[in-house]
Amino acid sequence: MVLPVPSDVPGAPAPWAARLSEPGSPVCSPDWLALREPADHAARSGELAARLASRLGARLGAGPDPVVLRDLGCGAGSMGRWLAPRLARRQHWFTHDRDAELAHRAARTSPVPATAVVGDLTDLTDLAGTDVVVCSALLDLLDAADVEHLAALCAGAGATALLTLTVTGDVTVDPADPLDAPVAAAFDAHQRREGRLGPDAADVTADAFTRHGFAVTRRPSPWRLGAGDAALVEEWLRGRLDAACAQDPSLTPHAATHLQRRLDALAAGRLHAQVGHADLLALPRDGGDR
């Protein structure tokens, strides 16, 4: 267990600060990624994965060549561990991340052959030879130009896209707390800072892919958290409050007591949270995919 540094120490983190994650950062710690992986696996849309598998079977048949997938912002490889077994065919993944350690870890721990690529979406200029582009918890960190670039790349390559766990801003925590509404407003504003899409990302992405000739299907993929997810819930509460206070400092005097009320309810087994995400499957309409 990580204990907070007393808040009266100069330069010490606030007692409500996130411990494993930096809210809104494109760089994630392996500990945070490992903590959230079971919830991510439970939340993603199995229906969309099944549709993708069916599409690949119809388009590519049972030929000897592997399906080529690119996992953008792959983190530690959670998406590959969830999706690869559901496709039930030969595959080769390219695990893209700006963090070289994570990109190589994802490739090394992949259940199917994989190659690490160090870089992010802005480094990609061509997806030729790619059958499927995937990502997880990435779109809300992008801006509209990034999403347009992604849709154009997929259209140019005829690649299908499965884009998962994009935050929607729909959050319910039970029991309710007086600080819920201002924290939610500040957190959403923090996610939209400097042009990031934040909770608008799923809508903007669906529009971009539709304009580029894709049929887009959207499904909810919320985290549903309770007493059995205590470590994840605490880190999520801390990260949310941390970002909210950074966005709206007027919340700071109330943050510690708000967090303590939440942690007391969590310890008593009374706290439950639903954190909204959306999954998108974008299929080329014109049959031009590989």
Protein backbone atom coordinates (compact mmCIF):
# COMPACT_ATOMS: atom_id res chain seq x y z
CA MET A 1 0.00 0.00 0.00
CA VAL A 2 1.29 3.46 -0.88
CA LEU A 3 0.86 5.93 1.96
CA PRO A 4 0.37 9.64 1.19
CA VAL A 5 3.07 12.10 2.14
CA PRO A 6 1.78 14.53 4.79
CA SER A 7 0.33 17.55 2.99
CA ASP A 8 2.29 20.04 5.13
CA VAL A 9 5.59 18.88 3.62
CA PRO A 10 6.71 21.46 1.04
CA GLY A 11 6.15 20.13 -2.46
CA ALA A 12 4.23 17.10 -1.20
CA PRO A 13 1.31 15.81 -3.27
CA ALA A 14 -2.17 16.61 -2.06
CA PRO A 15 -3.68 13.88 0.14
CA TRP A 16 -6.24 13.18 -2.62
CA ALA A 17 -3.68 13.00 -5.42
CA ALA A 18 -3.65 10.07 -7.84
CA ARG A 19 -0.95 7.55 -6.98
CA LEU A 20 -0.60 5.45 -10.12
CA SER A 21 -1.93 7.69 -12.87
CA GLU A 22 -1.68 11.23 -14.13
CA PRO A 23 -5.17 12.24 -15.22
CA GLY A 24 -5.30 13.18 -18.89
CA SER A 25 -1.74 12.12 -19.59
CA PRO A 26 -1.02 10.03 -22.70
CA VAL A 27 1.71 8.25 -20.74
CA CYS A 28 0.42 5.62 -18.30
CA SER A 29 2.24 3.72 -15.60
CA PRO A 30 2.33 -0.09 -15.89
CA ASP A 31 0.80 -0.34 -12.41
CA TRP A 32 -2.22 1.74 -13.43
CA LEU A 33 -2.66 -0.25 -16.63
CA ALA A 34 -2.50 -3.54 -14.73
CA LEU A 35 -4.99 -2.28 -12.14
CA ARG A 36 -7.59 -1.32 -14.74
CA GLU A 37 -7.13 -4.29 -17.10
CA PRO A 38 -9.80 -6.60 -15.56
CA ALA A 39 -12.38 -3.79 -15.62
CA ASP A 40 -11.44 -2.95 -19.21
CA HIS A 41 -11.82 -6.58 -20.28
CA ALA A 42 -15.23 -6.80 -18.62
CA ALA A 43 -16.43 -3.53 -20.16
CA ARG A 44 -15.49 -3.82 -23.84
CA SER A 45 -18.26 -4.81 -26.24
CA GLY A 46 -18.08 -8.51 -27.04
CA GLU A 47 -20.75 -7.93 -29.68
CA LEU A 48 -18.51 -5.58 -31.67
CA ALA A 49 -15.58 -7.99 -31.38
CA ALA A 50 -17.81 -10.77 -32.74
CA ARG A 51 -18.89 -8.53 -35.62
CA LEU A 52 -15.25 -7.80 -36.39
CA ALA A 53 -14.41 -11.52 -36.38
CA SER A 54 -17.33 -12.21 -38.72
CA ARG A 55 -16.27 -9.42 -41.06
CA LEU A 56 -12.72 -10.74 -41.25
CA GLY A 57 -14.00 -14.22 -41.98
CA ALA A 58 -16.24 -12.96 -44.77
CA ARG A 59 -13.58 -10.76 -46.34
CA LEU A 60 -10.44 -12.82 -45.89
CA GLY A 61 -11.73 -16.36 -45.63
CA ALA A 62 -9.41 -18.98 -44.18
CA GLY A 63 -6.35 -18.03 -46.20
CA PRO A 64 -2.84 -18.61 -44.86
CA ASP A 65 -1.92 -14.95 -44.42
CA PRO A 66 -2.33 -13.54 -40.92
CA VAL A 67 -4.67 -10.66 -40.19
CA VAL A 68 -2.59 -7.52 -39.60
CA LEU A 69 -3.71 -5.36 -36.67
CA ARG A 70 -2.26 -2.13 -35.31
CA ASP A 71 -2.91 -1.24 -31.69
CA LEU A 72 -2.46 2.52 -31.28
CA GLY A 73 -1.50 3.70 -27.79
CA CYS A 74 -1.22 0.04 -26.85
CA GLY A 75 -0.07 0.56 -23.29
CA ALA A 76 0.90 -2.80 -21.79
CA GLY A 77 -1.08 -4.77 -24.39
CA SER A 78 -4.46 -5.21 -22.70
CA MET A 79 -6.38 -4.81 -25.97
CA GLY A 80 -4.44 -7.62 -27.64
CA ARG A 81 -4.95 -9.98 -24.72
CA TRP A 82 -8.70 -9.32 -24.88
CA LEU A 83 -9.27 -9.25 -28.66
CA ALA A 84 -6.80 -11.74 -30.17
CA PRO A 85 -8.51 -14.87 -28.75
CA ARG A 86 -11.88 -13.59 -30.01
CA LEU A 87 -10.73 -13.41 -33.63
CA ALA A 88 -9.90 -17.14 -33.81
CA ARG A 89 -7.49 -16.85 -36.73
CA ARG A 90 -3.81 -16.21 -37.46
CA GLN A 91 -2.80 -12.68 -36.57
CA HIS A 92 0.16 -10.34 -36.44
CA TRP A 93 -0.08 -7.26 -34.26
CA PHE A 94 1.92 -4.05 -34.31
CA THR A 95 1.92 -2.48 -30.85
CA HIS A 96 2.31 1.30 -31.12
CA ASP A 97 3.10 3.47 -28.11
CA ARG A 98 5.14 6.61 -27.53
CA ASP A 99 6.56 4.86 -24.45
CA ALA A 100 9.16 2.41 -25.79
CA GLU A 101 9.04 0.23 -22.68
CA LEU A 102 5.28 -0.20 -23.00
CA ALA A 103 5.36 -0.85 -26.76
CA HIS A 104 7.93 -3.61 -26.30
CA ARG A 105 6.17 -5.04 -23.24
CA ALA A 106 2.91 -5.27 -25.19
CA ALA A 107 4.64 -7.08 -28.04
CA ARG A 108 6.52 -9.40 -25.70
CA THR A 109 3.40 -10.41 -23.75
CA SER A 110 1.07 -10.65 -26.76
CA PRO A 111 -0.77 -13.98 -27.14
CA VAL A 112 0.00 -13.86 -30.89
CA PRO A 113 3.07 -12.71 -32.86
CA ALA A 114 3.62 -8.97 -32.45
CA THR A 115 6.08 -6.25 -33.37
CA ALA A 116 6.69 -3.15 -31.24
CA VAL A 117 6.54 0.30 -32.87
CA VAL A 118 7.68 3.32 -30.85
CA GLY A 119 5.61 6.36 -31.78
CA ASP A 120 2.08 7.72 -31.74
CA LEU A 121 -0.68 8.57 -34.18
CA THR A 122 1.05 11.68 -35.47
CA ASP A 123 3.94 9.53 -36.69
CA LEU A 124 1.70 7.45 -38.95
CA THR A 125 1.45 8.47 -42.59
CA ASP A 126 0.32 5.22 -44.21
CA LEU A 127 -1.53 2.11 -43.04
CA ALA A 128 -1.03 0.10 -46.23
CA GLY A 129 -1.28 -3.63 -45.52
CA THR A 130 -3.24 -3.12 -42.31
CA ASP A 131 -6.52 -4.99 -41.90
CA VAL A 132 -7.65 -3.63 -38.54
CA VAL A 133 -6.77 -0.61 -36.42
CA VAL A 134 -7.62 -0.82 -32.73
CA CYS A 135 -7.19 1.38 -29.70
CA SER A 136 -8.37 1.53 -26.12
CA ALA A 137 -8.90 4.59 -23.91
CA LEU A 138 -7.15 6.78 -26.48
CA LEU A 139 -9.65 8.88 -28.44
CA ASP A 140 -10.54 11.24 -25.58
CA LEU A 141 -6.87 12.30 -25.40
CA LEU A 142 -6.88 13.36 -29.07
CA ASP A 143 -8.09 16.51 -30.78
CA ALA A 144 -10.37 16.78 -33.80
CA ALA A 145 -7.46 16.96 -36.25
CA ASP A 146 -5.99 13.74 -34.83
CA VAL A 147 -9.29 11.92 -35.26
CA GLU A 148 -9.65 13.22 -38.81
CA HIS A 149 -6.14 11.97 -39.54
CA LEU A 150 -6.98 8.55 -38.12
CA ALA A 151 -10.17 8.23 -40.15
CA ALA A 152 -8.37 9.30 -43.33
CA LEU A 153 -5.57 6.77 -42.75
CA CYS A 154 -8.06 3.94 -42.22
CA ALA A 155 -10.02 4.97 -45.31
CA GLY A 156 -6.87 5.10 -47.42
CA ALA A 157 -5.90 1.59 -46.34
CA GLY A 158 -9.41 0.12 -46.37
CA ALA A 159 -8.83 -0.84 -42.75
CA THR A 160 -11.58 -1.61 -40.28
CA ALA A 161 -11.36 0.17 -36.91
CA LEU A 162 -12.37 -1.07 -33.46
CA LEU A 163 -12.00 1.85 -31.05
CA THR A 164 -12.84 1.04 -27.45
CA LEU A 165 -13.29 2.51 -23.98
CA THR A 166 -13.68 6.15 -24.93
CA VAL A 167 -14.98 8.12 -21.95
CA THR A 168 -18.41 9.68 -22.38
CA GLY A 169 -18.72 11.77 -19.22
CA ASP A 170 -21.65 9.67 -17.98
CA VAL A 171 -20.70 8.84 -14.41
CA THR A 172 -22.89 7.66 -11.54
CA VAL A 173 -21.58 7.13 -8.03
CA ASP A 174 -23.79 5.72 -5.30
CA PRO A 175 -24.25 6.98 -2.64
CA ALA A 176 -24.47 10.52 -4.01
CA ASP A 177 -22.33 13.30 -2.56
CA PRO A 178 -22.80 17.10 -2.57
CA LEU A 179 -19.53 17.58 -4.45
CA ASP A 180 -20.46 15.22 -7.31
CA ALA A 181 -21.78 17.83 -9.74
CA PRO A 182 -18.92 20.36 -9.44
CA VAL A 183 -16.31 17.59 -9.58
CA ALA A 184 -17.92 16.15 -12.72
CA ALA A 185 -18.07 19.56 -14.42
CA ALA A 186 -14.45 20.34 -13.58
CA PHE A 187 -13.22 16.90 -14.60
CA ASP A 188 -14.96 17.10 -17.98
CA ALA A 189 -13.52 20.57 -18.53
CA HIS A 190 -10.07 19.24 -17.67
CA GLN A 191 -10.46 16.50 -20.26
CA ARG A 192 -11.35 19.11 -22.88
CA ARG A 193 -8.37 21.33 -22.10
CA GLU A 194 -6.09 22.48 -24.93
CA GLY A 195 -8.47 21.19 -27.57
CA ARG A 196 -8.67 17.57 -26.42
CA LEU A 197 -11.95 15.90 -27.25
CA GLY A 198 -12.57 14.40 -23.82
CA PRO A 199 -16.17 13.20 -23.46
CA ASP A 200 -17.01 14.46 -26.98
CA ALA A 201 -14.55 12.02 -28.57
CA ALA A 202 -16.96 9.21 -29.46
CA ASP A 203 -19.36 11.56 -31.27
CA VAL A 204 -16.58 13.39 -33.12
CA THR A 205 -14.91 10.11 -34.12
CA ALA A 206 -18.15 8.55 -35.36
CA ASP A 207 -18.81 11.65 -37.49
CA ALA A 208 -15.28 11.61 -38.92
CA PHE A 209 -15.40 7.93 -39.91
CA THR A 210 -18.89 8.31 -41.39
CA ARG A 211 -17.68 11.19 -43.57
CA HIS A 212 -14.82 8.99 -44.76
CA GLY A 213 -17.20 6.28 -45.96
CA PHE A 214 -17.51 3.97 -42.97
CA ALA A 215 -20.56 2.41 -41.38
CA VAL A 216 -20.13 3.07 -37.66
CA THR A 217 -21.74 1.02 -34.89
CA ARG A 218 -21.58 2.31 -31.33
CA ARG A 219 -22.10 0.34 -28.14
CA PRO A 220 -21.81 1.34 -24.45
CA SER A 221 -18.90 -0.18 -22.54
CA PRO A 222 -19.13 1.15 -18.98
CA TRP A 223 -17.03 0.16 -16.04
CA ARG A 224 -19.33 -1.20 -13.33
CA LEU A 225 -17.39 -1.03 -10.10
CA GLY A 226 -18.06 -2.02 -6.53
CA ALA A 227 -16.49 -3.30 -3.35
CA GLY A 228 -14.61 -6.02 -5.22
CA ASP A 229 -12.77 -3.34 -7.22
CA ALA A 230 -11.66 -1.29 -4.23
CA ALA A 231 -8.10 -0.58 -5.38
CA LEU A 232 -9.26 0.54 -8.83
CA VAL A 233 -12.13 2.58 -7.41
CA GLU A 234 -9.81 4.41 -5.05
CA GLU A 235 -7.31 5.25 -7.78
CA TRP A 236 -10.13 6.31 -10.13
CA LEU A 237 -11.64 8.55 -7.40
CA ARG A 238 -8.25 10.07 -6.71
CA GLY A 239 -7.46 10.68 -10.36
CA ARG A 240 -10.86 12.23 -11.01
CA LEU A 241 -10.59 14.53 -8.00
CA ASP A 242 -6.98 15.40 -8.79
CA ALA A 243 -7.91 16.54 -12.30
CA ALA A 244 -11.00 18.39 -11.08
CA CYS A 245 -8.99 20.38 -8.53
CA ALA A 246 -6.35 21.21 -11.14
CA GLN A 247 -9.11 22.57 -13.36
CA ASP A 248 -11.09 24.33 -10.63
CA PRO A 249 -8.97 25.25 -7.58
CA SER A 250 -12.09 26.34 -5.68
CA LEU A 251 -12.73 22.63 -5.10
CA THR A 252 -9.42 22.16 -3.27
CA PRO A 253 -10.58 23.11 0.26
CA HIS A 254 -13.29 20.45 0.07
CA ALA A 255 -11.34 17.70 -1.70
CA ALA A 256 -9.89 15.83 1.27
CA THR A 257 -13.19 15.50 3.11
CA HIS A 258 -15.00 14.51 -0.11
CA LEU A 259 -12.47 11.77 -0.78
CA GLN A 260 -12.65 10.53 2.80
CA ARG A 261 -16.43 10.21 2.60
CA ARG A 262 -16.02 8.20 -0.58
CA LEU A 263 -13.31 5.95 0.87
CA ASP A 264 -15.35 5.34 4.03
CA ALA A 265 -18.30 4.20 1.89
CA LEU A 266 -15.97 2.03 -0.19
CA ALA A 267 -14.48 0.38 2.88
CA ALA A 268 -17.98 -0.33 4.17
CA GLY A 269 -18.91 -2.00 0.87
CA ARG A 270 -21.55 0.64 0.10
CA LEU A 271 -19.95 2.48 -2.81
CA HIS A 272 -20.76 1.58 -6.40
CA ALA A 273 -19.77 3.45 -9.55
CA GLN A 274 -20.62 3.26 -13.22
CA VAL A 275 -18.16 5.03 -15.49
CA GLY A 276 -19.41 5.55 -19.02
CA HIS A 277 -17.38 4.56 -22.06
CA ALA A 278 -18.27 3.90 -25.68
CA ASP A 279 -16.90 1.38 -28.20
CA LEU A 280 -17.03 2.07 -31.94
CA LEU A 281 -16.72 -0.37 -34.84
CA ALA A 282 -16.11 1.36 -38.19
CA LEU A 283 -16.52 -0.79 -41.32
CA PRO A 284 -15.76 0.49 -44.84
CA ARG A 285 -19.06 0.77 -46.73
CA ASP A 286 -17.76 0.28 -50.25
CA GLY A 287 -16.18 -3.13 -49.78
CA GLY A 288 -12.74 -1.68 -50.35
CA ASP A 289 -11.22 -3.17 -47.25
CA ARG A 290 -8.52 -5.78 -47.49
